[in-house]
Amino acid sequence: MNKRLILLVALAGLAWLGVMGCSNKNIDTAKVREAFQTLSGDPKDILEQALKQIDQSNYVAAARPLKKVAYTVKLDRNQRAVLEDTIAKVEARAAKQKK
């Protein structure tokens, strides 16, 4: 009986983690801005353009500038992680907007 209860609790916990991980689709533009405070010049303008599009819920228009920053700017590990996460979320929402 104890083994079944432990197994049931463990499976419920894994299912909860899976649902919570998949539902985290919020795009935190403040987090992106914080990660790229040292960015300057044209790349900063391009990034700001993308973040403004995200704030206006125009995800289709935000995808291209984000990718341009990802491919043209040398990023540290934290910046790369934040940008890749943001691009993935933007692309997911852009796909829904296109439908």
Protein backbone atom coordinates (compact mmCIF):
# COMPACT_ATOMS: atom_id res chain seq x y z
CA MET A 1 0.00 0.00 0.00
CA ASN A 2 2.81 2.44 0.86
CA LYS A 3 4.59 1.79 -2.43
CA ARG A 4 1.44 2.52 -4.38
CA LEU A 5 0.87 5.75 -2.49
CA ILE A 6 4.46 6.88 -3.05
CA LEU A 7 4.21 6.00 -6.73
CA LEU A 8 0.91 7.85 -7.05
CA VAL A 9 2.32 10.96 -5.35
CA ALA A 10 5.46 10.84 -7.51
CA LEU A 11 3.46 10.51 -10.73
CA ALA A 12 1.12 13.33 -9.70
CA GLY A 13 4.12 15.52 -8.95
CA LEU A 14 5.69 14.79 -12.33
CA ALA A 15 2.43 15.51 -14.11
CA TRP A 16 2.11 18.80 -12.24
CA LEU A 17 5.66 19.80 -13.16
CA GLY A 18 4.98 18.96 -16.79
CA VAL A 19 1.85 21.07 -16.88
CA MET A 20 3.51 24.00 -15.11
CA GLY A 21 6.52 23.86 -17.42
CA CYS A 22 4.40 23.83 -20.54
CA SER A 23 2.13 26.62 -19.41
CA ASN A 24 4.95 29.09 -18.73
CA LYS A 25 4.51 31.10 -21.91
CA ASN A 26 4.77 34.59 -20.47
CA ILE A 27 7.34 36.76 -22.17
CA ASP A 28 9.16 38.92 -19.65
CA THR A 29 10.54 41.83 -21.67
CA ALA A 30 11.97 43.41 -18.52
CA LYS A 31 14.15 40.33 -18.04
CA VAL A 32 15.41 40.65 -21.62
CA ARG A 33 16.15 44.34 -21.18
CA GLU A 34 18.04 43.59 -17.96
CA ALA A 35 20.15 40.91 -19.65
CA PHE A 36 21.09 43.28 -22.49
CA GLN A 37 21.86 46.48 -20.57
CA THR A 38 25.39 46.61 -21.99
CA LEU A 39 24.20 46.38 -25.58
CA SER A 40 24.56 49.59 -27.59
CA GLY A 41 24.15 50.99 -31.08
CA ASP A 42 22.11 49.36 -33.83
CA PRO A 43 21.76 45.99 -32.05
CA LYS A 44 20.17 47.75 -29.05
CA ASP A 45 17.76 49.60 -31.35
CA ILE A 46 16.84 46.35 -33.10
CA LEU A 47 16.28 44.60 -29.77
CA GLU A 48 14.14 47.47 -28.47
CA GLN A 49 12.07 47.35 -31.66
CA ALA A 50 11.41 43.64 -31.07
CA LEU A 51 10.55 44.15 -27.40
CA LYS A 52 8.10 46.92 -28.28
CA GLN A 53 6.41 44.54 -30.72
CA ILE A 54 6.17 41.93 -27.96
CA ASP A 55 4.66 44.50 -25.58
CA GLN A 56 2.07 45.28 -28.28
CA SER A 57 1.39 41.52 -28.74
CA ASN A 58 2.66 41.62 -32.33
CA TYR A 59 4.70 38.42 -32.11
CA VAL A 60 5.02 37.90 -35.87
CA ALA A 61 6.84 41.23 -36.22
CA ALA A 62 9.02 40.56 -33.15
CA ALA A 63 10.53 37.28 -34.35
CA ARG A 64 12.80 38.60 -37.11
CA PRO A 65 14.56 41.35 -35.08
CA LEU A 66 15.16 38.93 -32.19
CA LYS A 67 16.79 36.44 -34.53
CA LYS A 68 18.88 39.19 -36.08
CA VAL A 69 20.26 40.10 -32.65
CA ALA A 70 20.91 36.42 -31.90
CA TYR A 71 22.93 35.97 -35.10
CA THR A 72 24.81 39.26 -35.24
CA VAL A 73 25.78 40.01 -31.63
CA LYS A 74 28.31 38.16 -29.53
CA LEU A 75 26.37 36.98 -26.47
CA ASP A 76 27.42 35.61 -23.12
CA ARG A 77 25.84 32.42 -21.76
CA ASN A 78 23.09 34.22 -19.81
CA GLN A 79 22.17 36.48 -22.72
CA ARG A 80 22.04 33.52 -25.09
CA ALA A 81 19.72 31.59 -22.74
CA VAL A 82 17.38 34.56 -22.25
CA LEU A 83 17.27 35.32 -25.97
CA GLU A 84 16.70 31.70 -27.02
CA ASP A 85 13.87 31.35 -24.50
CA THR A 86 12.31 34.58 -25.71
CA ILE A 87 12.59 33.57 -29.37
CA ALA A 88 10.94 30.21 -28.66
CA LYS A 89 8.03 31.87 -26.85
CA VAL A 90 7.63 34.51 -29.56
CA GLU A 91 7.62 31.90 -32.32
CA ALA A 92 5.01 29.85 -30.46
CA ARG A 93 2.74 32.85 -30.11
CA ALA A 94 3.42 34.00 -33.67
CA ALA A 95 2.29 30.61 -34.96
CA LYS A 96 -0.99 31.06 -33.09
CA GLN A 97 -1.40 34.59 -34.51
CA LYS A 98 -0.96 33.35 -38.07
CA LYS A 99 -3.87 30.92 -37.75
